[in-house]
Amino acid sequence: MEYMKLKIPEGYKNQCESFAFKVKCEEKFLYSSDIKSLEDIKKYMPDCRYVIIEMTHVSLEEVIDWAVEHEKTQVIISHIDPGFSLEGYKLLIEKKDLTNVAIAEEGKGIDFSHR
């Protein structure tokens, strides 16, 4: 397991450390939470089969733009701000015809054994 510790840059309201981990196994995946921008983790993402991103501070458009360029990576978005419409997220993903972006929902599972 590769463990990364990220420091929130100066100027943000929430001055804290954020943690992410990348598990190396047959299929690489990255899970990250509480990041300000996708730029915070982009360098860890390209060789991953699965990327799970907590969306509280990250723009969906930023994630979609990345997913369009990395079709082999399955992107799962979670922890969507309650102020945003889940249906709006789904429509935007469908409009871009992205099959590699999924929204984490209660009771939904991810099968990491194959794709």
C-alpha atoms as a PDB file:
ATOM      1  CA  MET A   1       0.000   0.000   0.000  1.00  0.00           C
ATOM      2  CA  GLU A   2       1.273   3.437  -0.904  1.00  0.00           C
ATOM      3  CA  TYR A   3       0.286   6.118   1.589  1.00  0.00           C
ATOM      4  CA  MET A   4       0.224   9.793   0.690  1.00  0.00           C
ATOM      5  CA  LYS A   5      -0.145  12.770   2.998  1.00  0.00           C
ATOM      6  CA  LEU A   6      -1.244  16.036   1.402  1.00  0.00           C
ATOM      7  CA  LYS A   7      -1.144  19.420   3.101  1.00  0.00           C
ATOM      8  CA  ILE A   8      -3.966  21.835   2.295  1.00  0.00           C
ATOM      9  CA  PRO A   9      -2.332  24.945   0.773  1.00  0.00           C
ATOM     10  CA  GLU A  10      -2.369  28.257   2.615  1.00  0.00           C
ATOM     11  CA  GLY A  11      -5.367  30.457   1.945  1.00  0.00           C
ATOM     12  CA  TYR A  12      -8.063  27.790   2.267  1.00  0.00           C
ATOM     13  CA  LYS A  13     -10.553  28.073   5.113  1.00  0.00           C
ATOM     14  CA  ASN A  14     -10.009  24.516   6.298  1.00  0.00           C
ATOM     15  CA  GLN A  15      -6.325  24.300   7.281  1.00  0.00           C
ATOM     16  CA  CYS A  16      -5.748  20.596   7.734  1.00  0.00           C
ATOM     17  CA  GLU A  17      -4.018  17.604   6.273  1.00  0.00           C
ATOM     18  CA  SER A  18      -5.849  15.367   3.857  1.00  0.00           C
ATOM     19  CA  PHE A  19      -5.034  11.726   3.351  1.00  0.00           C
ATOM     20  CA  ALA A  20      -5.318   9.428   0.357  1.00  0.00           C
ATOM     21  CA  PHE A  21      -4.148   5.932  -0.321  1.00  0.00           C
ATOM     22  CA  LYS A  22      -3.398   3.887  -3.389  1.00  0.00           C
ATOM     23  CA  VAL A  23      -3.517   0.113  -3.083  1.00  0.00           C
ATOM     24  CA  LYS A  24      -1.316  -1.782  -5.511  1.00  0.00           C
ATOM     25  CA  CYS A  25      -2.837  -5.095  -6.458  1.00  0.00           C
ATOM     26  CA  GLU A  26      -3.905  -6.745  -9.683  1.00  0.00           C
ATOM     27  CA  GLU A  27      -5.992  -3.674 -10.490  1.00  0.00           C
ATOM     28  CA  LYS A  28      -4.716  -0.344  -9.111  1.00  0.00           C
ATOM     29  CA  PHE A  29      -7.188   2.022  -7.539  1.00  0.00           C
ATOM     30  CA  LEU A  30      -7.022   5.363  -5.791  1.00  0.00           C
ATOM     31  CA  TYR A  31      -9.417   6.689  -3.187  1.00  0.00           C
ATOM     32  CA  SER A  32      -9.192  10.300  -2.165  1.00  0.00           C
ATOM     33  CA  SER A  33     -11.327  12.589  -0.086  1.00  0.00           C
ATOM     34  CA  ASP A  34     -11.523  16.202   0.947  1.00  0.00           C
ATOM     35  CA  ILE A  35      -9.374  17.628  -1.828  1.00  0.00           C
ATOM     36  CA  LYS A  36      -9.822  21.150  -3.177  1.00  0.00           C
ATOM     37  CA  SER A  37      -9.122  20.330  -6.808  1.00  0.00           C
ATOM     38  CA  LEU A  38      -8.435  17.333  -8.990  1.00  0.00           C
ATOM     39  CA  GLU A  39      -4.966  18.844  -9.469  1.00  0.00           C
ATOM     40  CA  ASP A  40      -4.189  17.669  -5.920  1.00  0.00           C
ATOM     41  CA  ILE A  41      -4.243  14.003  -7.036  1.00  0.00           C
ATOM     42  CA  LYS A  42      -3.859  14.020 -10.844  1.00  0.00           C
ATOM     43  CA  LYS A  43      -0.286  12.736 -10.760  1.00  0.00           C
ATOM     44  CA  TYR A  44      -1.467   9.572  -8.950  1.00  0.00           C
ATOM     45  CA  MET A  45      -4.438   8.853 -11.247  1.00  0.00           C
ATOM     46  CA  PRO A  46      -3.272   7.874 -14.775  1.00  0.00           C
ATOM     47  CA  ASP A  47      -2.089   4.323 -14.027  1.00  0.00           C
ATOM     48  CA  CYS A  48      -5.144   3.455 -11.907  1.00  0.00           C
ATOM     49  CA  ARG A  49      -7.992   1.256 -13.124  1.00  0.00           C
ATOM     50  CA  TYR A  50     -10.362   2.746 -10.527  1.00  0.00           C
ATOM     51  CA  VAL A  51     -10.434   6.246  -9.035  1.00  0.00           C
ATOM     52  CA  ILE A  52     -12.889   7.068  -6.237  1.00  0.00           C
ATOM     53  CA  ILE A  53     -13.261  10.808  -5.669  1.00  0.00           C
ATOM     54  CA  GLU A  54     -15.173  12.564  -2.905  1.00  0.00           C
ATOM     55  CA  MET A  55     -16.863  15.524  -4.612  1.00  0.00           C
ATOM     56  CA  THR A  56     -17.465  18.019  -1.798  1.00  0.00           C
ATOM     57  CA  HIS A  57     -14.965  20.569  -3.152  1.00  0.00           C
ATOM     58  CA  VAL A  58     -14.226  19.249  -6.662  1.00  0.00           C
ATOM     59  CA  SER A  59     -16.124  20.371  -9.746  1.00  0.00           C
ATOM     60  CA  LEU A  60     -17.920  17.661 -11.715  1.00  0.00           C
ATOM     61  CA  GLU A  61     -16.815  19.290 -14.965  1.00  0.00           C
ATOM     62  CA  GLU A  62     -13.174  18.897 -13.909  1.00  0.00           C
ATOM     63  CA  VAL A  63     -13.702  15.182 -13.213  1.00  0.00           C
ATOM     64  CA  ILE A  64     -15.611  14.647 -16.459  1.00  0.00           C
ATOM     65  CA  ASP A  65     -12.914  16.376 -18.514  1.00  0.00           C
ATOM     66  CA  TRP A  66     -10.333  14.028 -16.995  1.00  0.00           C
ATOM     67  CA  ALA A  67     -12.550  10.951 -17.491  1.00  0.00           C
ATOM     68  CA  VAL A  68     -13.066  11.753 -21.193  1.00  0.00           C
ATOM     69  CA  GLU A  69      -9.287  11.582 -21.702  1.00  0.00           C
ATOM     70  CA  HIS A  70      -8.856   8.406 -19.595  1.00  0.00           C
ATOM     71  CA  GLU A  71     -11.549   6.003 -20.807  1.00  0.00           C
ATOM     72  CA  LYS A  72      -9.818   2.931 -19.346  1.00  0.00           C
ATOM     73  CA  THR A  73     -10.132   4.304 -15.806  1.00  0.00           C
ATOM     74  CA  GLN A  74     -13.418   3.738 -13.982  1.00  0.00           C
ATOM     75  CA  VAL A  75     -14.224   6.913 -12.023  1.00  0.00           C
ATOM     76  CA  ILE A  76     -16.586   6.655  -9.066  1.00  0.00           C
ATOM     77  CA  ILE A  77     -17.777   9.906  -7.526  1.00  0.00           C
ATOM     78  CA  SER A  78     -19.076  10.063  -3.973  1.00  0.00           C
ATOM     79  CA  HIS A  79     -20.109  12.507  -1.256  1.00  0.00           C
ATOM     80  CA  ILE A  80     -21.870  14.893  -3.602  1.00  0.00           C
ATOM     81  CA  ASP A  81     -22.768  18.254  -2.080  1.00  0.00           C
ATOM     82  CA  PRO A  82     -26.459  18.115  -1.059  1.00  0.00           C
ATOM     83  CA  GLY A  83     -26.948  21.490  -2.746  1.00  0.00           C
ATOM     84  CA  PHE A  84     -26.401  19.883  -6.147  1.00  0.00           C
ATOM     85  CA  SER A  85     -28.927  17.820  -8.032  1.00  0.00           C
ATOM     86  CA  LEU A  86     -28.047  14.146  -8.309  1.00  0.00           C
ATOM     87  CA  GLU A  87     -30.218  13.987 -11.406  1.00  0.00           C
ATOM     88  CA  GLY A  88     -28.273  16.921 -12.856  1.00  0.00           C
ATOM     89  CA  TYR A  89     -25.018  14.999 -12.309  1.00  0.00           C
ATOM     90  CA  LYS A  90     -26.483  11.932 -14.011  1.00  0.00           C
ATOM     91  CA  LEU A  91     -27.711  13.970 -16.982  1.00  0.00           C
ATOM     92  CA  LEU A  92     -24.309  15.584 -17.473  1.00  0.00           C
ATOM     93  CA  ILE A  93     -22.589  12.182 -17.405  1.00  0.00           C
ATOM     94  CA  GLU A  94     -25.140  10.768 -19.884  1.00  0.00           C
ATOM     95  CA  LYS A  95     -24.844  13.818 -22.146  1.00  0.00           C
ATOM     96  CA  LYS A  96     -21.084  13.199 -22.451  1.00  0.00           C
ATOM     97  CA  ASP A  97     -21.858   9.485 -23.096  1.00  0.00           C
ATOM     98  CA  LEU A  98     -19.403   8.438 -20.394  1.00  0.00           C
ATOM     99  CA  THR A  99     -19.519   4.778 -19.481  1.00  0.00           C
ATOM    100  CA  ASN A 100     -16.501   5.061 -17.185  1.00  0.00           C
ATOM    101  CA  VAL A 101     -18.085   7.439 -14.636  1.00  0.00           C
ATOM    102  CA  ALA A 102     -20.404   6.156 -11.921  1.00  0.00           C
ATOM    103  CA  ILE A 103     -22.068   7.805  -8.954  1.00  0.00           C
ATOM    104  CA  ALA A 104     -21.750   6.028  -5.613  1.00  0.00           C
ATOM    105  CA  GLU A 105     -25.198   5.471  -4.179  1.00  0.00           C
ATOM    106  CA  GLU A 106     -26.471   3.739  -1.052  1.00  0.00           C
ATOM    107  CA  GLY A 107     -26.266  -0.022  -1.493  1.00  0.00           C
ATOM    108  CA  LYS A 108     -24.253   0.130  -4.721  1.00  0.00           C
ATOM    109  CA  GLY A 109     -21.157  -2.060  -4.840  1.00  0.00           C
ATOM    110  CA  ILE A 110     -17.978  -2.101  -6.909  1.00  0.00           C
ATOM    111  CA  ASP A 111     -16.606  -5.401  -8.185  1.00  0.00           C
ATOM    112  CA  PHE A 112     -12.821  -4.972  -8.297  1.00  0.00           C
ATOM    113  CA  SER A 113     -12.260  -8.554  -9.476  1.00  0.00           C
ATOM    114  CA  HIS A 114     -12.841  -7.768 -13.154  1.00  0.00           C
ATOM    115  CA  ARG A 115     -14.138  -5.095 -15.463  1.00  0.00           C
END
